[in-house]
């Protein structure tokens, strides 16, 4: 069986339609089990098996004594008065309005009992995030954490301990990437190994990368490979430079490839900024292209578009992206912000 769950398995009056479930699963790029957010290409194809958490009842059997019944609706706030679980989640600053945008997740959450299914997880999370105030945002982003067993969560943390991550580093990883704990130790081990081999990293460098940007470890591996190809073959960085770029600004590997190339083309080919300077200020590649282009065009009109530090009237490359327009005009354009605003109207 392929292509997800067959439509015939759902009755017309089932309180979550096949269409909504299918669209949600596609948007989240997960199999119908809904366990993890990111997906390895080819690792977990859709099995077509029905999710036991949303299986329709057979015949006219009354299941209200087994699980609470909620009418078909996407407004989770409508259930708050009848759900002690939702009330307690609100007390923890969980944003239900974001969760209700994911019907499949909301359905699972509504079936949970706070004392039986959540309390232990919350105690565990409070011991593994950097700030208790971040518990609500954590659950908002990853309510499916409650589908993971406490034993599995402890095993996944112990795995990081075995790889010489400190307690503080582990807490940073879990806080920065709420989906990390949904990945089995086997998958995390494969992914750490992939990044070590792909970028020729030492053990310490793997730990540095993981703590700095843990999302890169659980991100789609094909996307990582695609951006690596673009940075090497289309942008012209060598292996040593790529490693330096990765450790300093790993977020570049999470960006859209086309956007990344467009920004590089503007900065390197149009503005003439060298690879060396980009390596010193890789954050320039994260900045919005239109802002860089606007400020550069204005400096060019004034005859001040000079980015060589060895020459007079040097303008730091980050001046094109950082700070307010007032500061930019005062420090580098040497004019009033009103002049700059008038210029922008001509573009």
C-alpha atoms as a PDB file:
ATOM      1  CA  UNK A   1       0.000   0.000   0.000  1.00  0.00           C
ATOM      2  CA  UNK A   2       1.464   3.363  -0.970  1.00  0.00           C
ATOM      3  CA  UNK A   3       0.634   7.053  -1.206  1.00  0.00           C
ATOM      4  CA  UNK A   4      -0.709   7.414   2.335  1.00  0.00           C
ATOM      5  CA  UNK A   5      -3.955   6.152   3.857  1.00  0.00           C
ATOM      6  CA  UNK A   6      -6.745   5.029   1.454  1.00  0.00           C
ATOM      7  CA  UNK A   7      -9.805   7.228   1.513  1.00  0.00           C
ATOM      8  CA  UNK A   8     -12.101   4.262   2.029  1.00  0.00           C
ATOM      9  CA  UNK A   9     -10.806   3.829   5.572  1.00  0.00           C
ATOM     10  CA  UNK A  10     -12.527   6.994   6.717  1.00  0.00           C
ATOM     11  CA  UNK A  11     -16.237   7.518   7.086  1.00  0.00           C
ATOM     12  CA  UNK A  12     -17.929  10.672   5.880  1.00  0.00           C
ATOM     13  CA  UNK A  13     -18.716  11.822   9.416  1.00  0.00           C
ATOM     14  CA  UNK A  14     -15.278  11.053  10.853  1.00  0.00           C
ATOM     15  CA  UNK A  15     -14.183  14.100  12.863  1.00  0.00           C
ATOM     16  CA  UNK A  16     -11.006  14.636  10.860  1.00  0.00           C
ATOM     17  CA  UNK A  17     -11.190  14.260   7.112  1.00  0.00           C
ATOM     18  CA  UNK A  18      -8.734  12.434   4.921  1.00  0.00           C
ATOM     19  CA  UNK A  19      -8.090  15.607   2.969  1.00  0.00           C
ATOM     20  CA  UNK A  20      -7.060  17.588   6.053  1.00  0.00           C
ATOM     21  CA  UNK A  21      -4.877  14.750   7.348  1.00  0.00           C
ATOM     22  CA  UNK A  22      -3.215  14.182   3.993  1.00  0.00           C
ATOM     23  CA  UNK A  23      -2.525  17.885   3.445  1.00  0.00           C
ATOM     24  CA  UNK A  24      -1.153  18.264   6.954  1.00  0.00           C
ATOM     25  CA  UNK A  25       1.162  15.279   6.621  1.00  0.00           C
ATOM     26  CA  UNK A  26       2.457  16.638   3.316  1.00  0.00           C
ATOM     27  CA  UNK A  27       3.078  20.059   4.807  1.00  0.00           C
ATOM     28  CA  UNK A  28       4.971  18.585   7.746  1.00  0.00           C
ATOM     29  CA  UNK A  29       6.943  16.146   5.530  1.00  0.00           C
ATOM     30  CA  UNK A  30       6.382  13.224   7.834  1.00  0.00           C
ATOM     31  CA  UNK A  31       4.941   9.753   7.501  1.00  0.00           C
ATOM     32  CA  UNK A  32       1.443   9.206   8.805  1.00  0.00           C
ATOM     33  CA  UNK A  33       2.845   8.192  12.180  1.00  0.00           C
ATOM     34  CA  UNK A  34       3.647  11.859  12.792  1.00  0.00           C
ATOM     35  CA  UNK A  35       6.679  11.086  14.975  1.00  0.00           C
ATOM     36  CA  UNK A  36       9.293  13.465  13.599  1.00  0.00           C
ATOM     37  CA  UNK A  37       9.359  16.777  11.793  1.00  0.00           C
ATOM     38  CA  UNK A  38      12.278  16.288   9.421  1.00  0.00           C
ATOM     39  CA  UNK A  39      12.651  13.392   7.062  1.00  0.00           C
ATOM     40  CA  UNK A  40      15.643  11.518   5.656  1.00  0.00           C
ATOM     41  CA  UNK A  41      15.143  11.031   1.907  1.00  0.00           C
ATOM     42  CA  UNK A  42      14.105   7.413   1.444  1.00  0.00           C
ATOM     43  CA  UNK A  43      14.557   6.410   5.073  1.00  0.00           C
ATOM     44  CA  UNK A  44      10.953   6.408   6.172  1.00  0.00           C
ATOM     45  CA  UNK A  45       8.586   6.093   3.178  1.00  0.00           C
ATOM     46  CA  UNK A  46       4.879   6.136   3.858  1.00  0.00           C
ATOM     47  CA  UNK A  47       3.794   2.671   4.917  1.00  0.00           C
ATOM     48  CA  UNK A  48       0.125   3.284   4.299  1.00  0.00           C
ATOM     49  CA  UNK A  49      -0.736   1.873   7.738  1.00  0.00           C
ATOM     50  CA  UNK A  50      -3.554   3.483   9.625  1.00  0.00           C
ATOM     51  CA  UNK A  51      -2.562   5.607  12.607  1.00  0.00           C
ATOM     52  CA  UNK A  52      -4.114   3.946  15.690  1.00  0.00           C
ATOM     53  CA  UNK A  53      -4.548   7.398  17.232  1.00  0.00           C
ATOM     54  CA  UNK A  54      -7.173   8.397  14.637  1.00  0.00           C
ATOM     55  CA  UNK A  55      -8.741   5.076  13.701  1.00  0.00           C
ATOM     56  CA  UNK A  56     -12.525   5.411  13.197  1.00  0.00           C
ATOM     57  CA  UNK A  57     -14.765   3.353  15.415  1.00  0.00           C
ATOM     58  CA  UNK A  58     -16.399   0.217  14.096  1.00  0.00           C
ATOM     59  CA  UNK A  59     -20.171  -0.054  14.091  1.00  0.00           C
ATOM     60  CA  UNK A  60     -22.001   2.135  16.568  1.00  0.00           C
ATOM     61  CA  UNK A  61     -19.864   1.316  19.592  1.00  0.00           C
ATOM     62  CA  UNK A  62     -19.721   4.139  22.133  1.00  0.00           C
ATOM     63  CA  UNK A  63     -16.076   5.004  22.849  1.00  0.00           C
ATOM     64  CA  UNK A  64     -16.768   8.056  24.994  1.00  0.00           C
ATOM     65  CA  UNK A  65     -15.685   6.145  28.080  1.00  0.00           C
ATOM     66  CA  UNK A  66     -12.333   5.339  26.482  1.00  0.00           C
ATOM     67  CA  UNK A  67     -11.309   8.759  25.158  1.00  0.00           C
ATOM     68  CA  UNK A  68     -12.973  12.182  25.283  1.00  0.00           C
ATOM     69  CA  UNK A  69     -15.103  12.996  22.262  1.00  0.00           C
ATOM     70  CA  UNK A  70     -14.604  16.337  20.520  1.00  0.00           C
ATOM     71  CA  UNK A  71     -16.764  17.551  17.632  1.00  0.00           C
ATOM     72  CA  UNK A  72     -15.280  18.303  14.240  1.00  0.00           C
ATOM     73  CA  UNK A  73     -13.717  21.782  14.498  1.00  0.00           C
ATOM     74  CA  UNK A  74     -10.378  23.475  14.034  1.00  0.00           C
ATOM     75  CA  UNK A  75     -10.795  25.953  16.886  1.00  0.00           C
ATOM     76  CA  UNK A  76      -9.032  24.226  19.749  1.00  0.00           C
ATOM     77  CA  UNK A  77      -9.996  27.069  22.084  1.00  0.00           C
ATOM     78  CA  UNK A  78     -13.563  25.741  21.957  1.00  0.00           C
ATOM     79  CA  UNK A  79     -12.404  22.697  23.923  1.00  0.00           C
ATOM     80  CA  UNK A  80     -10.639  24.532  26.739  1.00  0.00           C
ATOM     81  CA  UNK A  81     -13.624  24.553  29.111  1.00  0.00           C
ATOM     82  CA  UNK A  82     -14.036  20.781  28.770  1.00  0.00           C
ATOM     83  CA  UNK A  83     -10.343  19.865  28.835  1.00  0.00           C
ATOM     84  CA  UNK A  84      -8.218  20.093  31.971  1.00  0.00           C
ATOM     85  CA  UNK A  85      -5.213  19.230  29.829  1.00  0.00           C
ATOM     86  CA  UNK A  86      -5.641  22.325  27.663  1.00  0.00           C
ATOM     87  CA  UNK A  87      -6.155  24.524  30.712  1.00  0.00           C
ATOM     88  CA  UNK A  88      -2.864  23.375  32.191  1.00  0.00           C
ATOM     89  CA  UNK A  89      -1.059  23.830  28.887  1.00  0.00           C
ATOM     90  CA  UNK A  90      -2.308  27.405  28.770  1.00  0.00           C
ATOM     91  CA  UNK A  91      -0.933  27.891  32.289  1.00  0.00           C
ATOM     92  CA  UNK A  92       2.441  26.774  30.889  1.00  0.00           C
ATOM     93  CA  UNK A  93       2.204  29.473  28.166  1.00  0.00           C
ATOM     94  CA  UNK A  94       1.629  26.990  25.356  1.00  0.00           C
ATOM     95  CA  UNK A  95       0.234  28.790  22.292  1.00  0.00           C
ATOM     96  CA  UNK A  96      -2.799  26.717  21.322  1.00  0.00           C
ATOM     97  CA  UNK A  97      -3.529  28.963  18.342  1.00  0.00           C
ATOM     98  CA  UNK A  98      -0.400  27.632  16.641  1.00  0.00           C
ATOM     99  CA  UNK A  99      -1.129  24.024  17.511  1.00  0.00           C
ATOM    100  CA  UNK A 100      -4.668  24.214  16.108  1.00  0.00           C
ATOM    101  CA  UNK A 101      -3.179  24.997  12.692  1.00  0.00           C
ATOM    102  CA  UNK A 102      -1.997  21.382  12.675  1.00  0.00           C
ATOM    103  CA  UNK A 103      -5.215  19.345  13.020  1.00  0.00           C
ATOM    104  CA  UNK A 104      -3.443  16.003  13.146  1.00  0.00           C
ATOM    105  CA  UNK A 105      -1.337  17.146  16.110  1.00  0.00           C
ATOM    106  CA  UNK A 106      -4.256  18.864  17.819  1.00  0.00           C
ATOM    107  CA  UNK A 107      -6.280  15.643  17.686  1.00  0.00           C
ATOM    108  CA  UNK A 108      -3.507  13.710  19.390  1.00  0.00           C
ATOM    109  CA  UNK A 109      -3.040  16.395  22.020  1.00  0.00           C
ATOM    110  CA  UNK A 110      -6.735  16.449  22.877  1.00  0.00           C
ATOM    111  CA  UNK A 111      -6.631  12.744  23.687  1.00  0.00           C
ATOM    112  CA  UNK A 112      -3.866  13.059  26.271  1.00  0.00           C
ATOM    113  CA  UNK A 113      -4.351  13.150  30.012  1.00  0.00           C
ATOM    114  CA  UNK A 114      -2.109  15.693  31.723  1.00  0.00           C
ATOM    115  CA  UNK A 115      -1.290  13.597  34.790  1.00  0.00           C
ATOM    116  CA  UNK A 116      -0.828  10.295  32.969  1.00  0.00           C
ATOM    117  CA  UNK A 117       0.670  11.374  29.655  1.00  0.00           C
ATOM    118  CA  UNK A 118       2.376  14.739  30.184  1.00  0.00           C
ATOM    119  CA  UNK A 119       3.543  15.347  33.732  1.00  0.00           C
ATOM    120  CA  UNK A 120       6.658  13.158  33.539  1.00  0.00           C
ATOM    121  CA  UNK A 121       7.616  14.671  30.196  1.00  0.00           C
ATOM    122  CA  UNK A 122       7.326  18.190  31.567  1.00  0.00           C
ATOM    123  CA  UNK A 123       9.539  17.360  34.545  1.00  0.00           C
ATOM    124  CA  UNK A 124      12.056  15.827  32.129  1.00  0.00           C
ATOM    125  CA  UNK A 125      12.009  18.863  29.831  1.00  0.00           C
ATOM    126  CA  UNK A 126      12.473  21.308  32.695  1.00  0.00           C
ATOM    127  CA  UNK A 127      15.714  19.497  33.472  1.00  0.00           C
ATOM    128  CA  UNK A 128      16.921  19.702  29.865  1.00  0.00           C
ATOM    129  CA  UNK A 129      16.144  23.210  28.628  1.00  0.00           C
ATOM    130  CA  UNK A 130      18.178  26.315  29.358  1.00  0.00           C
ATOM    131  CA  UNK A 131      15.314  28.362  30.823  1.00  0.00           C
ATOM    132  CA  UNK A 132      12.052  27.163  32.453  1.00  0.00           C
ATOM    133  CA  UNK A 133      10.263  30.064  30.758  1.00  0.00           C
ATOM    134  CA  UNK A 134      10.990  28.382  27.413  1.00  0.00           C
ATOM    135  CA  UNK A 135       8.902  25.315  28.269  1.00  0.00           C
ATOM    136  CA  UNK A 136       5.732  26.785  26.749  1.00  0.00           C
ATOM    137  CA  UNK A 137       7.384  27.735  23.433  1.00  0.00           C
ATOM    138  CA  UNK A 138       9.067  24.299  23.355  1.00  0.00           C
ATOM    139  CA  UNK A 139       5.741  22.456  23.651  1.00  0.00           C
ATOM    140  CA  UNK A 140       4.127  24.854  21.167  1.00  0.00           C
ATOM    141  CA  UNK A 141       6.740  23.911  18.564  1.00  0.00           C
ATOM    142  CA  UNK A 142       6.827  20.207  19.347  1.00  0.00           C
ATOM    143  CA  UNK A 143       3.688  18.931  21.108  1.00  0.00           C
ATOM    144  CA  UNK A 144       4.451  15.480  19.686  1.00  0.00           C
ATOM    145  CA  UNK A 145       7.186  15.174  22.313  1.00  0.00           C
ATOM    146  CA  UNK A 146       4.455  13.616  24.486  1.00  0.00           C
ATOM    147  CA  UNK A 147       4.273  10.679  22.061  1.00  0.00           C
ATOM    148  CA  UNK A 148       7.838   9.723  22.966  1.00  0.00           C
ATOM    149  CA  UNK A 149       8.406   7.454  25.950  1.00  0.00           C
ATOM    150  CA  UNK A 150      10.383   8.803  28.896  1.00  0.00           C
ATOM    151  CA  UNK A 151      12.761   5.854  28.596  1.00  0.00           C
ATOM    152  CA  UNK A 152      13.524   6.754  24.973  1.00  0.00           C
ATOM    153  CA  UNK A 153      14.080  10.403  25.889  1.00  0.00           C
ATOM    154  CA  UNK A 154      16.520   9.445  28.629  1.00  0.00           C
ATOM    155  CA  UNK A 155      18.378   7.125  26.251  1.00  0.00           C
ATOM    156  CA  UNK A 156      18.729   9.955  23.712  1.00  0.00           C
ATOM    157  CA  UNK A 157      20.140  12.325  26.310  1.00  0.00           C
ATOM    158  CA  UNK A 158      22.506   9.637  27.608  1.00  0.00           C
ATOM    159  CA  UNK A 159      23.742   9.107  24.054  1.00  0.00           C
ATOM    160  CA  UNK A 160      24.870  12.745  23.927  1.00  0.00           C
ATOM    161  CA  UNK A 161      26.580  12.314  27.284  1.00  0.00           C
ATOM    162  CA  UNK A 162      28.454   9.312  25.849  1.00  0.00           C
ATOM    163  CA  UNK A 163      29.603  11.543  22.971  1.00  0.00           C
ATOM    164  CA  UNK A 164      31.153  13.952  25.493  1.00  0.00           C
ATOM    165  CA  UNK A 165      28.569  16.691  25.281  1.00  0.00           C
ATOM    166  CA  UNK A 166      28.363  18.582  28.571  1.00  0.00           C
ATOM    167  CA  UNK A 167      25.124  19.083  30.500  1.00  0.00           C
ATOM    168  CA  UNK A 168      25.031  22.729  29.404  1.00  0.00           C
ATOM    169  CA  UNK A 169      25.644  21.790  25.756  1.00  0.00           C
ATOM    170  CA  UNK A 170      22.868  19.184  25.835  1.00  0.00           C
ATOM    171  CA  UNK A 171      20.447  21.726  27.258  1.00  0.00           C
ATOM    172  CA  UNK A 172      21.376  24.167  24.487  1.00  0.00           C
ATOM    173  CA  UNK A 173      20.796  21.503  21.832  1.00  0.00           C
ATOM    174  CA  UNK A 174      17.377  20.549  23.195  1.00  0.00           C
ATOM    175  CA  UNK A 175      16.329  24.190  23.620  1.00  0.00           C
ATOM    176  CA  UNK A 176      17.469  25.369  20.178  1.00  0.00           C
ATOM    177  CA  UNK A 177      16.029  22.356  18.382  1.00  0.00           C
ATOM    178  CA  UNK A 178      12.833  21.115  20.080  1.00  0.00           C
ATOM    179  CA  UNK A 179      12.566  18.269  17.547  1.00  0.00           C
ATOM    180  CA  UNK A 180      15.955  16.785  18.469  1.00  0.00           C
ATOM    181  CA  UNK A 181      14.522  14.435  21.100  1.00  0.00           C
ATOM    182  CA  UNK A 182      12.084  12.949  18.568  1.00  0.00           C
ATOM    183  CA  UNK A 183      15.029  11.379  16.721  1.00  0.00           C
ATOM    184  CA  UNK A 184      16.275   7.946  17.749  1.00  0.00           C
ATOM    185  CA  UNK A 185      19.895   7.565  18.816  1.00  0.00           C
ATOM    186  CA  UNK A 186      20.539   5.535  15.664  1.00  0.00           C
ATOM    187  CA  UNK A 187      19.351   8.351  13.401  1.00  0.00           C
ATOM    188  CA  UNK A 188      21.259  11.019  15.344  1.00  0.00           C
ATOM    189  CA  UNK A 189      24.402   8.877  15.240  1.00  0.00           C
ATOM    190  CA  UNK A 190      24.100   8.456  11.453  1.00  0.00           C
ATOM    191  CA  UNK A 191      23.570  12.174  10.980  1.00  0.00           C
ATOM    192  CA  UNK A 192      26.489  13.200  13.180  1.00  0.00           C
ATOM    193  CA  UNK A 193      28.607  10.747  11.196  1.00  0.00           C
ATOM    194  CA  UNK A 194      27.359  12.205   7.917  1.00  0.00           C
ATOM    195  CA  UNK A 195      28.334  15.760   8.886  1.00  0.00           C
ATOM    196  CA  UNK A 196      31.711  14.637  10.192  1.00  0.00           C
ATOM    197  CA  UNK A 197      32.517  12.810   6.950  1.00  0.00           C
ATOM    198  CA  UNK A 198      30.912  15.342   4.589  1.00  0.00           C
ATOM    199  CA  UNK A 199      32.762  18.337   6.035  1.00  0.00           C
ATOM    200  CA  UNK A 200      35.879  16.516   7.339  1.00  0.00           C
ATOM    201  CA  UNK A 201      35.271  17.616  10.924  1.00  0.00           C
ATOM    202  CA  UNK A 202      37.082  16.588  14.080  1.00  0.00           C
ATOM    203  CA  UNK A 203      35.152  15.374  17.123  1.00  0.00           C
ATOM    204  CA  UNK A 204      35.397  18.791  18.764  1.00  0.00           C
ATOM    205  CA  UNK A 205      34.227  20.471  15.556  1.00  0.00           C
ATOM    206  CA  UNK A 206      31.202  18.154  15.373  1.00  0.00           C
ATOM    207  CA  UNK A 207      30.287  19.125  18.920  1.00  0.00           C
ATOM    208  CA  UNK A 208      30.817  22.817  18.125  1.00  0.00           C
ATOM    209  CA  UNK A 209      28.579  22.595  15.050  1.00  0.00           C
ATOM    210  CA  UNK A 210      25.892  20.666  16.916  1.00  0.00           C
ATOM    211  CA  UNK A 211      25.700  23.136  19.792  1.00  0.00           C
ATOM    212  CA  UNK A 212      25.888  26.214  17.547  1.00  0.00           C
ATOM    213  CA  UNK A 213      23.151  25.059  15.154  1.00  0.00           C
ATOM    214  CA  UNK A 214      21.553  21.740  16.216  1.00  0.00           C
ATOM    215  CA  UNK A 215      18.884  22.102  13.518  1.00  0.00           C
ATOM    216  CA  UNK A 216      21.482  21.342  10.857  1.00  0.00           C
ATOM    217  CA  UNK A 217      21.928  17.828  12.270  1.00  0.00           C
ATOM    218  CA  UNK A 218      18.236  16.948  11.965  1.00  0.00           C
ATOM    219  CA  UNK A 219      17.643  18.884   8.739  1.00  0.00           C
ATOM    220  CA  UNK A 220      16.898  17.258   5.397  1.00  0.00           C
ATOM    221  CA  UNK A 221      20.200  15.748   4.277  1.00  0.00           C
ATOM    222  CA  UNK A 222      19.521  16.312   0.586  1.00  0.00           C
ATOM    223  CA  UNK A 223      19.118  20.019   1.303  1.00  0.00           C
ATOM    224  CA  UNK A 224      22.478  20.034   3.111  1.00  0.00           C
ATOM    225  CA  UNK A 225      24.142  18.321   0.141  1.00  0.00           C
ATOM    226  CA  UNK A 226      22.523  20.714  -2.331  1.00  0.00           C
ATOM    227  CA  UNK A 227      23.728  23.802  -0.467  1.00  0.00           C
ATOM    228  CA  UNK A 228      27.199  22.291  -0.080  1.00  0.00           C
ATOM    229  CA  UNK A 229      27.336  21.810  -3.847  1.00  0.00           C
ATOM    230  CA  UNK A 230      26.212  25.398  -4.436  1.00  0.00           C
ATOM    231  CA  UNK A 231      28.770  26.828  -2.014  1.00  0.00           C
ATOM    232  CA  UNK A 232      31.593  24.756  -3.497  1.00  0.00           C
ATOM    233  CA  UNK A 233      30.841  24.639  -7.208  1.00  0.00           C
ATOM    234  CA  UNK A 234      28.786  27.781  -7.838  1.00  0.00           C
ATOM    235  CA  UNK A 235      30.204  30.141  -5.239  1.00  0.00           C
ATOM    236  CA  UNK A 236      33.795  28.928  -5.539  1.00  0.00           C
ATOM    237  CA  UNK A 237      34.787  28.197  -1.933  1.00  0.00           C
ATOM    238  CA  UNK A 238      37.309  25.383  -1.390  1.00  0.00           C
ATOM    239  CA  UNK A 239      36.971  22.626   1.234  1.00  0.00           C
ATOM    240  CA  UNK A 240      38.957  24.486   3.881  1.00  0.00           C
ATOM    241  CA  UNK A 241      36.909  27.643   3.376  1.00  0.00           C
ATOM    242  CA  UNK A 242      33.667  25.663   3.448  1.00  0.00           C
ATOM    243  CA  UNK A 243      34.556  24.191   6.834  1.00  0.00           C
ATOM    244  CA  UNK A 244      35.360  27.662   8.190  1.00  0.00           C
ATOM    245  CA  UNK A 245      32.091  28.981   6.774  1.00  0.00           C
ATOM    246  CA  UNK A 246      30.131  26.083   8.272  1.00  0.00           C
ATOM    247  CA  UNK A 247      31.539  26.466  11.774  1.00  0.00           C
ATOM    248  CA  UNK A 248      31.062  30.227  11.764  1.00  0.00           C
ATOM    249  CA  UNK A 249      27.637  30.463  10.091  1.00  0.00           C
ATOM    250  CA  UNK A 250      25.983  27.007   9.768  1.00  0.00           C
ATOM    251  CA  UNK A 251      22.621  28.655   9.118  1.00  0.00           C
ATOM    252  CA  UNK A 252      23.727  29.135   5.498  1.00  0.00           C
ATOM    253  CA  UNK A 253      23.114  25.414   4.977  1.00  0.00           C
ATOM    254  CA  UNK A 254      19.491  25.829   6.057  1.00  0.00           C
ATOM    255  CA  UNK A 255      18.774  28.647   3.604  1.00  0.00           C
ATOM    256  CA  UNK A 256      17.034  28.365   0.271  1.00  0.00           C
ATOM    257  CA  UNK A 257      19.696  27.635  -2.342  1.00  0.00           C
ATOM    258  CA  UNK A 258      18.398  30.141  -4.900  1.00  0.00           C
ATOM    259  CA  UNK A 259      18.225  32.973  -2.357  1.00  0.00           C
ATOM    260  CA  UNK A 260      21.725  32.155  -1.151  1.00  0.00           C
ATOM    261  CA  UNK A 261      23.141  32.232  -4.682  1.00  0.00           C
ATOM    262  CA  UNK A 262      21.383  35.498  -5.528  1.00  0.00           C
ATOM    263  CA  UNK A 263      22.836  37.184  -2.459  1.00  0.00           C
ATOM    264  CA  UNK A 264      26.297  35.834  -3.208  1.00  0.00           C
ATOM    265  CA  UNK A 265      26.083  37.023  -6.800  1.00  0.00           C
ATOM    266  CA  UNK A 266      25.222  40.537  -5.648  1.00  0.00           C
ATOM    267  CA  UNK A 267      27.893  40.682  -2.951  1.00  0.00           C
ATOM    268  CA  UNK A 268      30.736  38.982  -4.802  1.00  0.00           C
ATOM    269  CA  UNK A 269      30.128  39.595  -8.498  1.00  0.00           C
ATOM    270  CA  UNK A 270      28.381  42.973  -8.462  1.00  0.00           C
ATOM    271  CA  UNK A 271      29.952  44.615  -5.406  1.00  0.00           C
ATOM    272  CA  UNK A 272      33.322  42.912  -5.844  1.00  0.00           C
ATOM    273  CA  UNK A 273      33.574  41.598  -2.279  1.00  0.00           C
ATOM    274  CA  UNK A 274      36.249  38.902  -2.053  1.00  0.00           C
ATOM    275  CA  UNK A 275      35.853  35.374  -0.704  1.00  0.00           C
ATOM    276  CA  UNK A 276      38.221  36.335   2.093  1.00  0.00           C
ATOM    277  CA  UNK A 277      35.989  39.189   3.232  1.00  0.00           C
ATOM    278  CA  UNK A 278      32.881  37.021   3.010  1.00  0.00           C
ATOM    279  CA  UNK A 279      34.608  34.444   5.211  1.00  0.00           C
ATOM    280  CA  UNK A 280      35.261  37.188   7.758  1.00  0.00           C
ATOM    281  CA  UNK A 281      31.648  38.382   7.644  1.00  0.00           C
ATOM    282  CA  UNK A 282      29.551  35.392   6.496  1.00  0.00           C
ATOM    283  CA  UNK A 283      26.463  36.926   8.101  1.00  0.00           C
ATOM    284  CA  UNK A 284      26.294  39.256   5.086  1.00  0.00           C
ATOM    285  CA  UNK A 285      24.871  36.285   3.154  1.00  0.00           C
ATOM    286  CA  UNK A 286      21.925  36.164   5.549  1.00  0.00           C
ATOM    287  CA  UNK A 287      20.960  39.786   4.953  1.00  0.00           C
ATOM    288  CA  UNK A 288      18.184  40.881   2.643  1.00  0.00           C
ATOM    289  CA  UNK A 289      19.332  41.453  -0.888  1.00  0.00           C
ATOM    290  CA  UNK A 290      17.202  44.546  -1.519  1.00  0.00           C
ATOM    291  CA  UNK A 291      18.641  46.402   1.500  1.00  0.00           C
ATOM    292  CA  UNK A 292      22.223  45.711   0.478  1.00  0.00           C
ATOM    293  CA  UNK A 293      21.464  46.768  -3.089  1.00  0.00           C
ATOM    294  CA  UNK A 294      19.728  49.998  -2.004  1.00  0.00           C
ATOM    295  CA  UNK A 295      22.564  51.145   0.234  1.00  0.00           C
ATOM    296  CA  UNK A 296      25.240  50.155  -2.260  1.00  0.00           C
ATOM    297  CA  UNK A 297      23.476  52.036  -5.063  1.00  0.00           C
ATOM    298  CA  UNK A 298      23.263  55.144  -2.893  1.00  0.00           C
ATOM    299  CA  UNK A 299      26.955  54.977  -1.964  1.00  0.00           C
ATOM    300  CA  UNK A 300      27.796  54.391  -5.613  1.00  0.00           C
ATOM    301  CA  UNK A 301      25.876  57.522  -6.607  1.00  0.00           C
ATOM    302  CA  UNK A 302      27.819  59.504  -3.983  1.00  0.00           C
ATOM    303  CA  UNK A 303      31.141  57.994  -5.071  1.00  0.00           C
ATOM    304  CA  UNK A 304      31.576  56.312  -1.690  1.00  0.00           C
ATOM    305  CA  UNK A 305      31.089  52.643  -2.608  1.00  0.00           C
ATOM    306  CA  UNK A 306      34.582  51.693  -1.459  1.00  0.00           C
ATOM    307  CA  UNK A 307      34.891  48.365   0.374  1.00  0.00           C
ATOM    308  CA  UNK A 308      38.673  47.875   0.286  1.00  0.00           C
ATOM    309  CA  UNK A 309      40.085  48.350   3.829  1.00  0.00           C
ATOM    310  CA  UNK A 310      43.490  49.346   2.410  1.00  0.00           C
ATOM    311  CA  UNK A 311      42.056  52.416   0.676  1.00  0.00           C
ATOM    312  CA  UNK A 312      40.696  55.756   1.843  1.00  0.00           C
ATOM    313  CA  UNK A 313      36.992  56.194   2.734  1.00  0.00           C
ATOM    314  CA  UNK A 314      36.638  52.498   3.487  1.00  0.00           C
ATOM    315  CA  UNK A 315      33.068  51.322   4.121  1.00  0.00           C
ATOM    316  CA  UNK A 316      32.715  48.019   6.048  1.00  0.00           C
ATOM    317  CA  UNK A 317      30.650  45.513   4.116  1.00  0.00           C
ATOM    318  CA  UNK A 318      28.294  45.009   7.068  1.00  0.00           C
ATOM    319  CA  UNK A 319      27.368  48.698   6.906  1.00  0.00           C
ATOM    320  CA  UNK A 320      25.210  47.723   3.928  1.00  0.00           C
ATOM    321  CA  UNK A 321      23.073  45.478   6.103  1.00  0.00           C
ATOM    322  CA  UNK A 322      23.312  46.507   9.745  1.00  0.00           C
ATOM    323  CA  UNK A 323      22.136  49.515  11.720  1.00  0.00           C
ATOM    324  CA  UNK A 324      19.451  52.076  11.045  1.00  0.00           C
ATOM    325  CA  UNK A 325      19.285  54.191   7.906  1.00  0.00           C
ATOM    326  CA  UNK A 326      20.101  57.231  10.049  1.00  0.00           C
ATOM    327  CA  UNK A 327      23.325  55.650  11.315  1.00  0.00           C
ATOM    328  CA  UNK A 328      24.233  54.491   7.816  1.00  0.00           C
ATOM    329  CA  UNK A 329      23.809  57.987   6.382  1.00  0.00           C
ATOM    330  CA  UNK A 330      25.656  59.703   9.218  1.00  0.00           C
ATOM    331  CA  UNK A 331      28.654  57.342   9.401  1.00  0.00           C
ATOM    332  CA  UNK A 332      29.184  56.247   5.822  1.00  0.00           C
ATOM    333  CA  UNK A 333      27.098  58.216   3.303  1.00  0.00           C
ATOM    334  CA  UNK A 334      27.910  61.506   5.081  1.00  0.00           C
ATOM    335  CA  UNK A 335      24.476  62.953   4.352  1.00  0.00           C
ATOM    336  CA  UNK A 336      21.048  63.278   5.920  1.00  0.00           C
ATOM    337  CA  UNK A 337      18.606  60.398   6.024  1.00  0.00           C
ATOM    338  CA  UNK A 338      16.102  62.542   4.102  1.00  0.00           C
ATOM    339  CA  UNK A 339      18.498  62.558   1.131  1.00  0.00           C
ATOM    340  CA  UNK A 340      18.633  58.771   1.285  1.00  0.00           C
ATOM    341  CA  UNK A 341      14.846  58.501   1.451  1.00  0.00           C
ATOM    342  CA  UNK A 342      14.503  60.744  -1.601  1.00  0.00           C
ATOM    343  CA  UNK A 343      16.959  58.510  -3.444  1.00  0.00           C
ATOM    344  CA  UNK A 344      14.960  55.397  -2.584  1.00  0.00           C
ATOM    345  CA  UNK A 345      11.885  56.923  -4.214  1.00  0.00           C
ATOM    346  CA  UNK A 346      13.759  57.045  -7.518  1.00  0.00           C
ATOM    347  CA  UNK A 347      14.464  53.316  -7.565  1.00  0.00           C
END
